[in-house]
PDB file of N, CA and C in Angstrom:
ATOM      1  N   MET A   1      23.719  -3.909  26.440  1.00  0.00           N
ATOM      2  CA  MET A   1      22.416  -4.449  27.127  1.00  0.00           C
ATOM      3  C   MET A   1      22.400  -5.546  27.672  1.00  0.00           C
ATOM      4  N   ASP A   2      21.565  -5.596  28.881  1.00  0.00           N
ATOM      5  CA  ASP A   2      21.404  -6.513  29.668  1.00  0.00           C
ATOM      6  C   ASP A   2      20.870  -7.954  28.913  1.00  0.00           C
ATOM      7  N   GLU A   3      21.573  -9.167  29.316  1.00  0.00           N
ATOM      8  CA  GLU A   3      21.079 -10.012  28.333  1.00  0.00           C
ATOM      9  C   GLU A   3      19.841 -10.849  29.278  1.00  0.00           C
ATOM     10  N   LYS A   4      18.704 -10.914  28.328  1.00  0.00           N
ATOM     11  CA  LYS A   4      17.465 -11.022  28.885  1.00  0.00           C
ATOM     12  C   LYS A   4      17.509 -12.752  29.021  1.00  0.00           C
ATOM     13  N   LYS A   5      16.847 -13.176  30.115  1.00  0.00           N
ATOM     14  CA  LYS A   5      16.633 -14.483  30.608  1.00  0.00           C
ATOM     15  C   LYS A   5      15.218 -14.919  30.503  1.00  0.00           C
ATOM     16  N   LEU A   6      14.841 -16.126  29.827  1.00  0.00           N
ATOM     17  CA  LEU A   6      13.659 -16.735  29.914  1.00  0.00           C
ATOM     18  C   LEU A   6      13.429 -17.541  31.019  1.00  0.00           C
ATOM     19  N   PRO A   7      12.189 -17.664  31.549  1.00  0.00           N
ATOM     20  CA  PRO A   7      12.022 -18.517  32.830  1.00  0.00           C
ATOM     21  C   PRO A   7      12.435 -19.972  32.489  1.00  0.00           C
ATOM     22  N   HIS A   8      12.045 -20.515  31.208  1.00  0.00           N
ATOM     23  CA  HIS A   8      12.486 -22.046  31.138  1.00  0.00           C
ATOM     24  C   HIS A   8      13.665 -22.175  29.787  1.00  0.00           C
ATOM     25  N   HIS A   9      14.489 -22.845  29.552  1.00  0.00           N
ATOM     26  CA  HIS A   9      15.396 -22.800  28.746  1.00  0.00           C
ATOM     27  C   HIS A   9      15.148 -24.265  27.986  1.00  0.00           C
ATOM     28  N   HIS A  10      14.578 -23.858  26.608  1.00  0.00           N
ATOM     29  CA  HIS A  10      14.265 -25.019  26.052  1.00  0.00           C
ATOM     30  C   HIS A  10      15.484 -25.207  24.879  1.00  0.00           C
ATOM     31  N   HIS A  11      15.546 -24.710  24.158  1.00  0.00           N
ATOM     32  CA  HIS A  11      16.364 -24.389  23.303  1.00  0.00           C
ATOM     33  C   HIS A  11      17.537 -23.386  23.339  1.00  0.00           C
ATOM     34  N   GLU A  12      18.543 -24.037  22.522  1.00  0.00           N
ATOM     35  CA  GLU A  12      19.838 -22.745  22.631  1.00  0.00           C
ATOM     36  C   GLU A  12      19.327 -21.624  21.570  1.00  0.00           C
ATOM     37  N   GLY A  13      19.865 -20.662  21.794  1.00  0.00           N
ATOM     38  CA  GLY A  13      19.685 -19.289  21.037  1.00  0.00           C
ATOM     39  C   GLY A  13      18.413 -18.744  20.913  1.00  0.00           C
ATOM     40  N   THR A  14      17.493 -18.995  21.742  1.00  0.00           N
ATOM     41  CA  THR A  14      15.888 -18.576  21.833  1.00  0.00           C
ATOM     42  C   THR A  14      16.742 -17.330  22.812  1.00  0.00           C
ATOM     43  N   GLU A  15      17.057 -17.307  23.807  1.00  0.00           N
ATOM     44  CA  GLU A  15      17.321 -15.863  24.499  1.00  0.00           C
ATOM     45  C   GLU A  15      17.837 -14.721  23.546  1.00  0.00           C
ATOM     46  N   SER A  16      18.742 -15.171  22.578  1.00  0.00           N
ATOM     47  CA  SER A  16      19.222 -14.078  21.591  1.00  0.00           C
ATOM     48  C   SER A  16      18.231 -13.547  20.907  1.00  0.00           C
ATOM     49  N   MET A  17      16.972 -14.021  20.661  1.00  0.00           N
ATOM     50  CA  MET A  17      16.122 -13.579  19.894  1.00  0.00           C
ATOM     51  C   MET A  17      15.349 -12.335  20.378  1.00  0.00           C
ATOM     52  N   PHE A  18      15.736 -12.348  21.762  1.00  0.00           N
ATOM     53  CA  PHE A  18      15.394 -10.868  22.235  1.00  0.00           C
ATOM     54  C   PHE A  18      16.081  -9.552  21.652  1.00  0.00           C
ATOM     55  N   ASP A  19      17.330  -9.972  21.132  1.00  0.00           N
ATOM     56  CA  ASP A  19      18.270  -8.753  20.511  1.00  0.00           C
ATOM     57  C   ASP A  19      17.556  -8.500  19.132  1.00  0.00           C
ATOM     58  N   HIS A  20      16.917  -9.505  18.575  1.00  0.00           N
ATOM     59  CA  HIS A  20      16.753  -9.249  16.988  1.00  0.00           C
ATOM     60  C   HIS A  20      14.943  -8.875  17.148  1.00  0.00           C
ATOM     61  N   MET A  21      14.370  -9.102  18.228  1.00  0.00           N
ATOM     62  CA  MET A  21      12.916  -8.922  17.738  1.00  0.00           C
ATOM     63  C   MET A  21      12.460  -7.612  17.724  1.00  0.00           C
ATOM     64  N   PRO A  22      11.811  -7.096  16.559  1.00  0.00           N
ATOM     65  CA  PRO A  22      10.987  -5.889  16.517  1.00  0.00           C
ATOM     66  C   PRO A  22      10.652  -5.285  17.753  1.00  0.00           C
ATOM     67  N   LYS A  23      10.628  -4.035  17.625  1.00  0.00           N
ATOM     68  CA  LYS A  23       9.598  -3.262  18.791  1.00  0.00           C
ATOM     69  C   LYS A  23       8.179  -3.606  18.883  1.00  0.00           C
ATOM     70  N   LEU A  24       7.375  -3.647  19.589  1.00  0.00           N
ATOM     71  CA  LEU A  24       6.130  -3.610  19.604  1.00  0.00           C
ATOM     72  C   LEU A  24       5.284  -2.665  18.739  1.00  0.00           C
ATOM     73  N   GLU A  25       5.922  -1.376  18.633  1.00  0.00           N
ATOM     74  CA  GLU A  25       5.244  -0.654  17.716  1.00  0.00           C
ATOM     75  C   GLU A  25       5.329  -0.779  16.280  1.00  0.00           C
ATOM     76  N   GLU A  26       6.028  -1.668  15.762  1.00  0.00           N
ATOM     77  CA  GLU A  26       6.419  -2.351  14.417  1.00  0.00           C
ATOM     78  C   GLU A  26       5.383  -3.208  14.066  1.00  0.00           C
ATOM     79  N   PHE A  27       4.998  -4.137  15.235  1.00  0.00           N
ATOM     80  CA  PHE A  27       3.889  -5.136  15.074  1.00  0.00           C
ATOM     81  C   PHE A  27       2.637  -4.359  15.139  1.00  0.00           C
ATOM     82  N   ILE A  28       2.707  -3.121  15.837  1.00  0.00           N
ATOM     83  CA  ILE A  28       1.381  -2.657  15.736  1.00  0.00           C
ATOM     84  C   ILE A  28       1.002  -1.939  14.619  1.00  0.00           C
ATOM     85  N   ALA A  29       1.915  -1.447  13.919  1.00  0.00           N
ATOM     86  CA  ALA A  29       1.753  -0.721  12.392  1.00  0.00           C
ATOM     87  C   ALA A  29       1.508  -2.023  11.578  1.00  0.00           C
ATOM     88  N   ALA A  30       1.954  -2.947  11.571  1.00  0.00           N
ATOM     89  CA  ALA A  30       1.621  -4.008  10.684  1.00  0.00           C
ATOM     90  C   ALA A  30       0.242  -4.349  10.809  1.00  0.00           C
ATOM     91  N   ALA A  31      -0.136  -4.660  12.328  1.00  0.00           N
ATOM     92  CA  ALA A  31      -1.574  -5.335  12.706  1.00  0.00           C
ATOM     93  C   ALA A  31      -2.613  -4.011  12.116  1.00  0.00           C
ATOM     94  N   GLU A  32      -2.139  -2.826  12.303  1.00  0.00           N
ATOM     95  CA  GLU A  32      -3.288  -1.592  11.674  1.00  0.00           C
ATOM     96  C   GLU A  32      -3.371  -1.840  10.126  1.00  0.00           C
ATOM     97  N   ILE A  33      -2.261  -2.087   9.284  1.00  0.00           N
ATOM     98  CA  ILE A  33      -2.536  -2.495   7.822  1.00  0.00           C
ATOM     99  C   ILE A  33      -3.464  -3.599   7.809  1.00  0.00           C
ATOM    100  N   PHE A  34      -2.929  -4.782   8.399  1.00  0.00           N
ATOM    101  CA  PHE A  34      -3.691  -5.901   8.349  1.00  0.00           C
ATOM    102  C   PHE A  34      -5.439  -5.593   8.821  1.00  0.00           C
ATOM    103  N   SER A  35      -5.561  -5.016   9.714  1.00  0.00           N
ATOM    104  CA  SER A  35      -6.883  -4.348  10.266  1.00  0.00           C
ATOM    105  C   SER A  35      -7.814  -3.835   8.710  1.00  0.00           C
ATOM    106  N   ILE A  36      -7.242  -2.695   8.740  1.00  0.00           N
ATOM    107  CA  ILE A  36      -7.467  -1.939   7.364  1.00  0.00           C
ATOM    108  C   ILE A  36      -8.105  -2.845   6.268  1.00  0.00           C
ATOM    109  N   MET A  37      -7.049  -4.056   6.098  1.00  0.00           N
ATOM    110  CA  MET A  37      -7.109  -4.932   4.904  1.00  0.00           C
ATOM    111  C   MET A  37      -8.107  -5.938   5.079  1.00  0.00           C
ATOM    112  N   GLY A  38      -8.828  -5.846   6.346  1.00  0.00           N
ATOM    113  CA  GLY A  38      -9.819  -7.074   6.662  1.00  0.00           C
ATOM    114  C   GLY A  38     -11.060  -6.858   6.191  1.00  0.00           C
ATOM    115  N   ASP A  39     -11.359  -5.801   5.514  1.00  0.00           N
ATOM    116  CA  ASP A  39     -12.443  -5.203   4.848  1.00  0.00           C
ATOM    117  C   ASP A  39     -12.418  -5.861   2.984  1.00  0.00           C
ATOM    118  N   SER A  40     -13.483  -6.703   2.956  1.00  0.00           N
ATOM    119  CA  SER A  40     -13.092  -7.217   1.436  1.00  0.00           C
ATOM    120  C   SER A  40     -13.445  -5.923   0.314  1.00  0.00           C
ATOM    121  N   THR A  41     -14.303  -4.947   0.405  1.00  0.00           N
ATOM    122  CA  THR A  41     -14.382  -4.177  -0.612  1.00  0.00           C
ATOM    123  C   THR A  41     -12.843  -3.234  -0.574  1.00  0.00           C
ATOM    124  N   ARG A  42     -12.261  -2.963   0.583  1.00  0.00           N
ATOM    125  CA  ARG A  42     -10.960  -2.294   0.433  1.00  0.00           C
ATOM    126  C   ARG A  42      -9.684  -3.400  -0.354  1.00  0.00           C
ATOM    127  N   LEU A  43     -10.047  -4.784   0.202  1.00  0.00           N
ATOM    128  CA  LEU A  43      -9.016  -5.545  -0.615  1.00  0.00           C
ATOM    129  C   LEU A  43      -9.133  -5.523  -2.145  1.00  0.00           C
ATOM    130  N   ARG A  44     -10.650  -5.595  -2.486  1.00  0.00           N
ATOM    131  CA  ARG A  44     -11.085  -5.553  -3.973  1.00  0.00           C
ATOM    132  C   ARG A  44     -10.243  -4.273  -4.596  1.00  0.00           C
ATOM    133  N   LEU A  45     -10.790  -3.193  -3.660  1.00  0.00           N
ATOM    134  CA  LEU A  45     -10.421  -1.931  -4.437  1.00  0.00           C
ATOM    135  C   LEU A  45      -8.977  -1.382  -4.512  1.00  0.00           C
ATOM    136  N   PHE A  46      -8.060  -2.133  -3.431  1.00  0.00           N
ATOM    137  CA  PHE A  46      -6.526  -2.219  -3.587  1.00  0.00           C
ATOM    138  C   PHE A  46      -6.173  -2.788  -4.872  1.00  0.00           C
ATOM    139  N   TRP A  47      -6.677  -4.329  -4.721  1.00  0.00           N
ATOM    140  CA  TRP A  47      -6.318  -5.057  -5.711  1.00  0.00           C
ATOM    141  C   TRP A  47      -6.462  -4.430  -7.314  1.00  0.00           C
ATOM    142  N   LEU A  48      -7.729  -3.727  -7.533  1.00  0.00           N
ATOM    143  CA  LEU A  48      -7.665  -2.944  -8.664  1.00  0.00           C
ATOM    144  C   LEU A  48      -6.943  -1.900  -8.835  1.00  0.00           C
ATOM    145  N   LEU A  49      -6.580  -0.998  -7.912  1.00  0.00           N
ATOM    146  CA  LEU A  49      -5.492   0.181  -8.099  1.00  0.00           C
ATOM    147  C   LEU A  49      -4.281  -0.485  -8.334  1.00  0.00           C
ATOM    148  N   CYS A  50      -4.090  -1.596  -8.066  1.00  0.00           N
ATOM    149  CA  CYS A  50      -2.616  -2.278  -8.506  1.00  0.00           C
ATOM    150  C   CYS A  50      -2.583  -2.352 -10.011  1.00  0.00           C
ATOM    151  N   HIS A  51      -3.801  -2.340 -10.557  1.00  0.00           N
ATOM    152  CA  HIS A  51      -3.637  -2.773 -12.495  1.00  0.00           C
ATOM    153  C   HIS A  51      -4.201  -1.408 -12.854  1.00  0.00           C
ATOM    154  N   CYS A  52      -4.988  -0.612 -12.395  1.00  0.00           N
ATOM    155  CA  CYS A  52      -4.845   0.479 -13.087  1.00  0.00           C
ATOM    156  C   CYS A  52      -5.002   1.985 -12.423  1.00  0.00           C
ATOM    157  N   GLU A  53      -4.937   2.913 -12.795  1.00  0.00           N
ATOM    158  CA  GLU A  53      -4.924   4.138 -12.499  1.00  0.00           C
ATOM    159  C   GLU A  53      -6.256   4.770 -12.789  1.00  0.00           C
ATOM    160  N   GLU A  54      -7.138   5.334 -11.880  1.00  0.00           N
ATOM    161  CA  GLU A  54      -8.623   5.696 -12.101  1.00  0.00           C
ATOM    162  C   GLU A  54      -9.396   6.741 -11.350  1.00  0.00           C
ATOM    163  N   CYS A  55      -9.984   7.332 -11.859  1.00  0.00           N
ATOM    164  CA  CYS A  55     -10.643   8.312 -11.045  1.00  0.00           C
ATOM    165  C   CYS A  55     -11.844   7.925 -10.294  1.00  0.00           C
ATOM    166  N   VAL A  56     -12.740   8.784  -9.457  1.00  0.00           N
ATOM    167  CA  VAL A  56     -13.452   8.308  -8.189  1.00  0.00           C
ATOM    168  C   VAL A  56     -14.542   7.807  -8.908  1.00  0.00           C
ATOM    169  N   LEU A  57     -14.954   8.522 -10.107  1.00  0.00           N
ATOM    170  CA  LEU A  57     -16.352   8.248 -10.736  1.00  0.00           C
ATOM    171  C   LEU A  57     -16.400   6.940 -11.492  1.00  0.00           C
ATOM    172  N   ASN A  58     -15.311   6.665 -12.211  1.00  0.00           N
ATOM    173  CA  ASN A  58     -15.008   5.382 -12.837  1.00  0.00           C
ATOM    174  C   ASN A  58     -14.937   4.278 -11.979  1.00  0.00           C
ATOM    175  N   LEU A  59     -14.099   4.355 -10.820  1.00  0.00           N
ATOM    176  CA  LEU A  59     -14.162   3.430  -9.690  1.00  0.00           C
ATOM    177  C   LEU A  59     -15.307   2.987  -9.017  1.00  0.00           C
ATOM    178  N   SER A  60     -16.281   3.945  -8.749  1.00  0.00           N
ATOM    179  CA  SER A  60     -17.523   3.891  -8.340  1.00  0.00           C
ATOM    180  C   SER A  60     -18.344   2.949  -9.156  1.00  0.00           C
ATOM    181  N   ALA A  61     -18.309   3.180 -10.454  1.00  0.00           N
ATOM    182  CA  ALA A  61     -18.900   2.357 -11.485  1.00  0.00           C
ATOM    183  C   ALA A  61     -18.244   0.851 -11.529  1.00  0.00           C
ATOM    184  N   MET A  62     -17.080   0.909 -11.224  1.00  0.00           N
ATOM    185  CA  MET A  62     -16.455  -0.760 -11.290  1.00  0.00           C
ATOM    186  C   MET A  62     -16.701  -1.394  -9.987  1.00  0.00           C
ATOM    187  N   MET A  63     -16.767  -0.562  -9.012  1.00  0.00           N
ATOM    188  CA  MET A  63     -16.967  -1.184  -7.551  1.00  0.00           C
ATOM    189  C   MET A  63     -18.405  -1.441  -7.196  1.00  0.00           C
ATOM    190  N   GLU A  64     -19.334  -0.614  -8.127  1.00  0.00           N
ATOM    191  CA  GLU A  64     -20.793  -0.771  -7.939  1.00  0.00           C
ATOM    192  C   GLU A  64     -21.037  -0.289  -6.462  1.00  0.00           C
ATOM    193  N   MET A  65     -20.343   1.173  -6.226  1.00  0.00           N
ATOM    194  CA  MET A  65     -20.843   1.792  -4.983  1.00  0.00           C
ATOM    195  C   MET A  65     -20.702   3.390  -5.242  1.00  0.00           C
ATOM    196  N   SER A  66     -21.570   3.677  -4.446  1.00  0.00           N
ATOM    197  CA  SER A  66     -21.753   5.320  -4.729  1.00  0.00           C
ATOM    198  C   SER A  66     -20.518   5.990  -4.567  1.00  0.00           C
ATOM    199  N   SER A  67     -20.343   7.271  -4.638  1.00  0.00           N
ATOM    200  CA  SER A  67     -18.860   8.012  -4.952  1.00  0.00           C
ATOM    201  C   SER A  67     -18.558   8.261  -3.521  1.00  0.00           C
ATOM    202  N   PRO A  68     -19.361   8.700  -2.364  1.00  0.00           N
ATOM    203  CA  PRO A  68     -18.951   9.069  -1.165  1.00  0.00           C
ATOM    204  C   PRO A  68     -18.415   7.778  -0.641  1.00  0.00           C
ATOM    205  N   ALA A  69     -19.132   6.579  -0.478  1.00  0.00           N
ATOM    206  CA  ALA A  69     -18.930   5.448   0.069  1.00  0.00           C
ATOM    207  C   ALA A  69     -17.242   4.928  -0.463  1.00  0.00           C
ATOM    208  N   LEU A  70     -17.341   4.801  -1.813  1.00  0.00           N
ATOM    209  CA  LEU A  70     -15.673   4.447  -2.346  1.00  0.00           C
ATOM    210  C   LEU A  70     -14.943   5.610  -1.832  1.00  0.00           C
ATOM    211  N   SER A  71     -15.247   7.026  -1.766  1.00  0.00           N
ATOM    212  CA  SER A  71     -13.991   7.857  -1.257  1.00  0.00           C
ATOM    213  C   SER A  71     -13.835   7.510   0.300  1.00  0.00           C
ATOM    214  N   HIS A  72     -14.665   7.013   0.929  1.00  0.00           N
ATOM    215  CA  HIS A  72     -14.322   6.645   2.429  1.00  0.00           C
ATOM    216  C   HIS A  72     -13.446   5.545   2.296  1.00  0.00           C
ATOM    217  N   HIS A  73     -13.420   4.639   1.525  1.00  0.00           N
ATOM    218  CA  HIS A  73     -12.570   3.660   1.315  1.00  0.00           C
ATOM    219  C   HIS A  73     -11.003   4.172   1.155  1.00  0.00           C
ATOM    220  N   LEU A  74     -11.182   4.752  -0.045  1.00  0.00           N
ATOM    221  CA  LEU A  74      -9.868   5.394  -0.747  1.00  0.00           C
ATOM    222  C   LEU A  74      -9.020   6.450   0.409  1.00  0.00           C
ATOM    223  N   LYS A  75      -9.815   7.168   1.216  1.00  0.00           N
ATOM    224  CA  LYS A  75      -9.114   7.751   2.240  1.00  0.00           C
ATOM    225  C   LYS A  75      -8.444   6.955   3.149  1.00  0.00           C
ATOM    226  N   ILE A  76      -9.172   5.741   3.683  1.00  0.00           N
ATOM    227  CA  ILE A  76      -8.584   5.046   4.661  1.00  0.00           C
ATOM    228  C   ILE A  76      -7.169   4.294   4.149  1.00  0.00           C
ATOM    229  N   LEU A  77      -7.260   3.730   2.863  1.00  0.00           N
ATOM    230  CA  LEU A  77      -5.947   3.215   2.119  1.00  0.00           C
ATOM    231  C   LEU A  77      -5.016   4.254   2.064  1.00  0.00           C
ATOM    232  N   LYS A  78      -5.439   5.557   1.668  1.00  0.00           N
ATOM    233  CA  LYS A  78      -4.232   6.406   1.404  1.00  0.00           C
ATOM    234  C   LYS A  78      -3.616   7.014   2.729  1.00  0.00           C
ATOM    235  N   ASN A  79      -4.579   7.063   3.479  1.00  0.00           N
ATOM    236  CA  ASN A  79      -3.926   7.549   5.143  1.00  0.00           C
ATOM    237  C   ASN A  79      -2.963   6.358   5.528  1.00  0.00           C
ATOM    238  N   CYS A  80      -3.149   5.291   4.975  1.00  0.00           N
ATOM    239  CA  CYS A  80      -2.156   3.975   5.662  1.00  0.00           C
ATOM    240  C   CYS A  80      -0.912   3.799   4.536  1.00  0.00           C
ATOM    241  N   GLY A  81      -0.726   4.445   3.361  1.00  0.00           N
ATOM    242  CA  GLY A  81       0.300   4.572   2.407  1.00  0.00           C
ATOM    243  C   GLY A  81       0.228   3.694   1.549  1.00  0.00           C
ATOM    244  N   LEU A  82      -1.026   2.966   1.268  1.00  0.00           N
ATOM    245  CA  LEU A  82      -1.266   1.773   0.385  1.00  0.00           C
ATOM    246  C   LEU A  82      -1.491   2.309  -0.896  1.00  0.00           C
ATOM    247  N   ILE A  83      -1.914   3.547  -1.480  1.00  0.00           N
ATOM    248  CA  ILE A  83      -2.318   4.185  -2.570  1.00  0.00           C
ATOM    249  C   ILE A  83      -2.061   5.448  -2.587  1.00  0.00           C
ATOM    250  N   THR A  84      -1.662   6.287  -3.684  1.00  0.00           N
ATOM    251  CA  THR A  84      -1.474   7.492  -3.853  1.00  0.00           C
ATOM    252  C   THR A  84      -2.559   8.156  -4.924  1.00  0.00           C
ATOM    253  N   SER A  85      -2.491   9.460  -5.081  1.00  0.00           N
ATOM    254  CA  SER A  85      -3.345  10.424  -5.803  1.00  0.00           C
ATOM    255  C   SER A  85      -2.715  11.131  -6.649  1.00  0.00           C
ATOM    256  N   ARG A  86      -3.149  11.824  -7.775  1.00  0.00           N
ATOM    257  CA  ARG A  86      -2.804  12.896  -8.617  1.00  0.00           C
ATOM    258  C   ARG A  86      -4.095  13.548  -9.084  1.00  0.00           C
ATOM    259  N   ARG A  87      -3.905  14.688  -9.068  1.00  0.00           N
ATOM    260  CA  ARG A  87      -5.068  15.575  -9.515  1.00  0.00           C
ATOM    261  C   ARG A  87      -4.481  16.154 -10.896  1.00  0.00           C
ATOM    262  N   GLU A  88      -5.260  16.091 -12.091  1.00  0.00           N
ATOM    263  CA  GLU A  88      -5.471  16.426 -13.124  1.00  0.00           C
ATOM    264  C   GLU A  88      -6.545  17.448 -13.569  1.00  0.00           C
ATOM    265  N   GLY A  89      -6.360  18.719 -13.576  1.00  0.00           N
ATOM    266  CA  GLY A  89      -7.749  19.401 -13.680  1.00  0.00           C
ATOM    267  C   GLY A  89      -8.577  19.247 -12.431  1.00  0.00           C
ATOM    268  N   LYS A  90     -10.015  18.926 -12.845  1.00  0.00           N
ATOM    269  CA  LYS A  90     -10.928  18.483 -11.604  1.00  0.00           C
ATOM    270  C   LYS A  90     -10.976  17.204 -10.694  1.00  0.00           C
ATOM    271  N   GLU A  91     -10.121  16.342 -12.002  1.00  0.00           N
ATOM    272  CA  GLU A  91     -10.240  15.012 -11.560  1.00  0.00           C
ATOM    273  C   GLU A  91      -9.181  14.627 -10.710  1.00  0.00           C
ATOM    274  N   VAL A  92      -9.245  13.468  -9.776  1.00  0.00           N
ATOM    275  CA  VAL A  92      -8.184  12.954  -8.951  1.00  0.00           C
ATOM    276  C   VAL A  92      -8.073  11.387  -9.354  1.00  0.00           C
ATOM    277  N   TYR A  93      -7.227  11.047  -9.751  1.00  0.00           N
ATOM    278  CA  TYR A  93      -6.888   9.770  -9.936  1.00  0.00           C
ATOM    279  C   TYR A  93      -6.129   8.783  -8.993  1.00  0.00           C
ATOM    280  N   TYR A  94      -6.423   7.706  -8.667  1.00  0.00           N
ATOM    281  CA  TYR A  94      -5.912   6.796  -7.571  1.00  0.00           C
ATOM    282  C   TYR A  94      -5.175   5.650  -8.462  1.00  0.00           C
ATOM    283  N   ARG A  95      -4.119   4.889  -7.491  1.00  0.00           N
ATOM    284  CA  ARG A  95      -3.284   4.016  -7.995  1.00  0.00           C
ATOM    285  C   ARG A  95      -2.721   3.569  -6.854  1.00  0.00           C
ATOM    286  N   SER A  96      -2.178   2.308  -6.676  1.00  0.00           N
ATOM    287  CA  SER A  96      -1.371   1.681  -5.806  1.00  0.00           C
ATOM    288  C   SER A  96       0.001   2.412  -5.662  1.00  0.00           C
ATOM    289  N   ALA A  97       0.437   2.517  -4.514  1.00  0.00           N
ATOM    290  CA  ALA A  97       1.495   3.255  -4.020  1.00  0.00           C
ATOM    291  C   ALA A  97       2.335   2.109  -4.741  1.00  0.00           C
ATOM    292  N   ARG A  98       3.676   2.924  -4.996  1.00  0.00           N
ATOM    293  CA  ARG A  98       5.038   2.037  -5.185  1.00  0.00           C
ATOM    294  C   ARG A  98       6.010   1.989  -4.122  1.00  0.00           C
ATOM    295  N   ASN A  99       5.670   1.027  -3.242  1.00  0.00           N
ATOM    296  CA  ASN A  99       6.546   0.999  -2.201  1.00  0.00           C
ATOM    297  C   ASN A  99       6.558  -0.559  -1.718  1.00  0.00           C
ATOM    298  N   PRO A 100       7.237  -1.243  -1.158  1.00  0.00           N
ATOM    299  CA  PRO A 100       7.533  -2.468  -0.461  1.00  0.00           C
ATOM    300  C   PRO A 100       5.997  -3.154   0.060  1.00  0.00           C
ATOM    301  N   GLN A 101       5.719  -2.079   1.108  1.00  0.00           N
ATOM    302  CA  GLN A 101       4.364  -2.520   1.599  1.00  0.00           C
ATOM    303  C   GLN A 101       3.009  -2.878   0.643  1.00  0.00           C
ATOM    304  N   ALA A 102       3.112  -2.030  -0.188  1.00  0.00           N
ATOM    305  CA  ALA A 102       1.817  -2.236  -1.298  1.00  0.00           C
ATOM    306  C   ALA A 102       2.321  -3.285  -2.170  1.00  0.00           C
ATOM    307  N   GLU A 103       3.264  -3.262  -2.707  1.00  0.00           N
ATOM    308  CA  GLU A 103       3.760  -4.649  -3.475  1.00  0.00           C
ATOM    309  C   GLU A 103       3.571  -5.949  -2.743  1.00  0.00           C
ATOM    310  N   ALA A 104       3.899  -6.131  -1.732  1.00  0.00           N
ATOM    311  CA  ALA A 104       4.000  -7.405  -0.908  1.00  0.00           C
ATOM    312  C   ALA A 104       2.673  -7.523  -0.415  1.00  0.00           C
ATOM    313  N   LEU A 105       1.439  -6.757  -0.223  1.00  0.00           N
ATOM    314  CA  LEU A 105       0.371  -6.777   0.109  1.00  0.00           C
ATOM    315  C   LEU A 105      -0.513  -7.528  -1.275  1.00  0.00           C
ATOM    316  N   HIS A 106       0.013  -6.592  -2.433  1.00  0.00           N
ATOM    317  CA  HIS A 106      -0.632  -7.124  -3.769  1.00  0.00           C
ATOM    318  C   HIS A 106      -0.486  -8.557  -3.973  1.00  0.00           C
ATOM    319  N   LEU A 107       0.817  -9.018  -3.857  1.00  0.00           N
ATOM    320  CA  LEU A 107       1.295 -10.289  -4.018  1.00  0.00           C
ATOM    321  C   LEU A 107       0.634 -11.205  -3.129  1.00  0.00           C
ATOM    322  N   MET A 108       0.542 -10.896  -1.913  1.00  0.00           N
ATOM    323  CA  MET A 108      -0.138 -11.660  -0.804  1.00  0.00           C
ATOM    324  C   MET A 108      -1.847 -12.119  -1.270  1.00  0.00           C
ATOM    325  N   ILE A 109      -2.415 -10.839  -1.734  1.00  0.00           N
ATOM    326  CA  ILE A 109      -4.031 -10.843  -2.122  1.00  0.00           C
ATOM    327  C   ILE A 109      -4.100 -12.019  -3.096  1.00  0.00           C
ATOM    328  N   GLU A 110      -3.138 -11.755  -4.097  1.00  0.00           N
ATOM    329  CA  GLU A 110      -3.312 -12.725  -5.413  1.00  0.00           C
ATOM    330  C   GLU A 110      -2.924 -14.294  -4.831  1.00  0.00           C
ATOM    331  N   GLN A 111      -2.148 -14.338  -4.019  1.00  0.00           N
ATOM    332  CA  GLN A 111      -1.698 -15.856  -3.562  1.00  0.00           C
ATOM    333  C   GLN A 111      -2.802 -16.448  -2.972  1.00  0.00           C
ATOM    334  N   MET A 112      -3.112 -15.500  -1.641  1.00  0.00           N
ATOM    335  CA  MET A 112      -4.418 -15.845  -0.874  1.00  0.00           C
ATOM    336  C   MET A 112      -5.767 -16.359  -1.589  1.00  0.00           C
ATOM    337  N   ALA A 113      -5.915 -15.676  -2.526  1.00  0.00           N
ATOM    338  CA  ALA A 113      -7.206 -15.538  -3.347  1.00  0.00           C
ATOM    339  C   ALA A 113      -6.960 -16.306  -4.742  1.00  0.00           C
ATOM    340  N   GLU A 114      -5.968 -16.993  -4.736  1.00  0.00           N
ATOM    341  CA  GLU A 114      -5.524 -17.726  -6.117  1.00  0.00           C
ATOM    342  C   GLU A 114      -5.997 -16.835  -7.357  1.00  0.00           C
ATOM    343  N   ILE A 115      -5.783 -15.936  -7.298  1.00  0.00           N
ATOM    344  CA  ILE A 115      -5.973 -15.111  -8.592  1.00  0.00           C
ATOM    345  C   ILE A 115      -4.629 -14.324  -9.228  1.00  0.00           C
ATOM    346  N   SER A 116      -4.925 -14.036 -10.238  1.00  0.00           N
ATOM    347  CA  SER A 116      -3.969 -13.774 -11.264  1.00  0.00           C
ATOM    348  C   SER A 116      -4.099 -12.274 -11.825  1.00  0.00           C
ATOM    349  N   CYS A 117      -2.748 -11.642 -11.882  1.00  0.00           N
ATOM    350  CA  CYS A 117      -2.789 -10.435 -12.438  1.00  0.00           C
ATOM    351  C   CYS A 117      -3.526 -10.253 -13.932  1.00  0.00           C
ATOM    352  N   PRO A 118      -4.091  -9.069 -14.466  1.00  0.00           N
ATOM    353  CA  PRO A 118      -4.202  -8.925 -15.704  1.00  0.00           C
ATOM    354  C   PRO A 118      -2.785  -8.541 -16.236  1.00  0.00           C
ATOM    355  N   GLU A 119      -2.853  -9.041 -17.551  1.00  0.00           N
ATOM    356  CA  GLU A 119      -1.366  -8.713 -18.659  1.00  0.00           C
ATOM    357  C   GLU A 119      -0.631  -7.566 -18.439  1.00  0.00           C
ATOM    358  N   SER A 120      -1.223  -6.250 -18.172  1.00  0.00           N
ATOM    359  CA  SER A 120      -0.720  -4.954 -18.187  1.00  0.00           C
ATOM    360  C   SER A 120      -0.971  -4.355 -16.737  1.00  0.00           C
ATOM    361  N   ARG A 121       0.098  -3.719 -16.219  1.00  0.00           N
ATOM    362  CA  ARG A 121      -0.383  -3.086 -15.067  1.00  0.00           C
ATOM    363  C   ARG A 121       0.285  -1.676 -15.052  1.00  0.00           C
TER     364      ARG A 121
END
């Protein structure tokens, strides 16, 4: 690969960062998740699902939202891989995904909001 040059040379090793910088697409993917999580309702819902698995009806009551409004947020969270669902009869249960992105986001929410996890998860 051609060595890339910066217009100004201020620090040793800066130009070598080009070889290690992730592709723009990777930053776009991260920015999309941050954009999705820029909604306090989704942050609150995601945090809740990090601590319990629950159906839409109960989540609606807990979040004080209509089921259709809540379902809209669940779909967005599920499409970006932060939550999962499972069907049991007619009920669909939701919970946070067990992946590094969801776990990091959960920790970040708690640290930024200075809140703690309940005892059981």
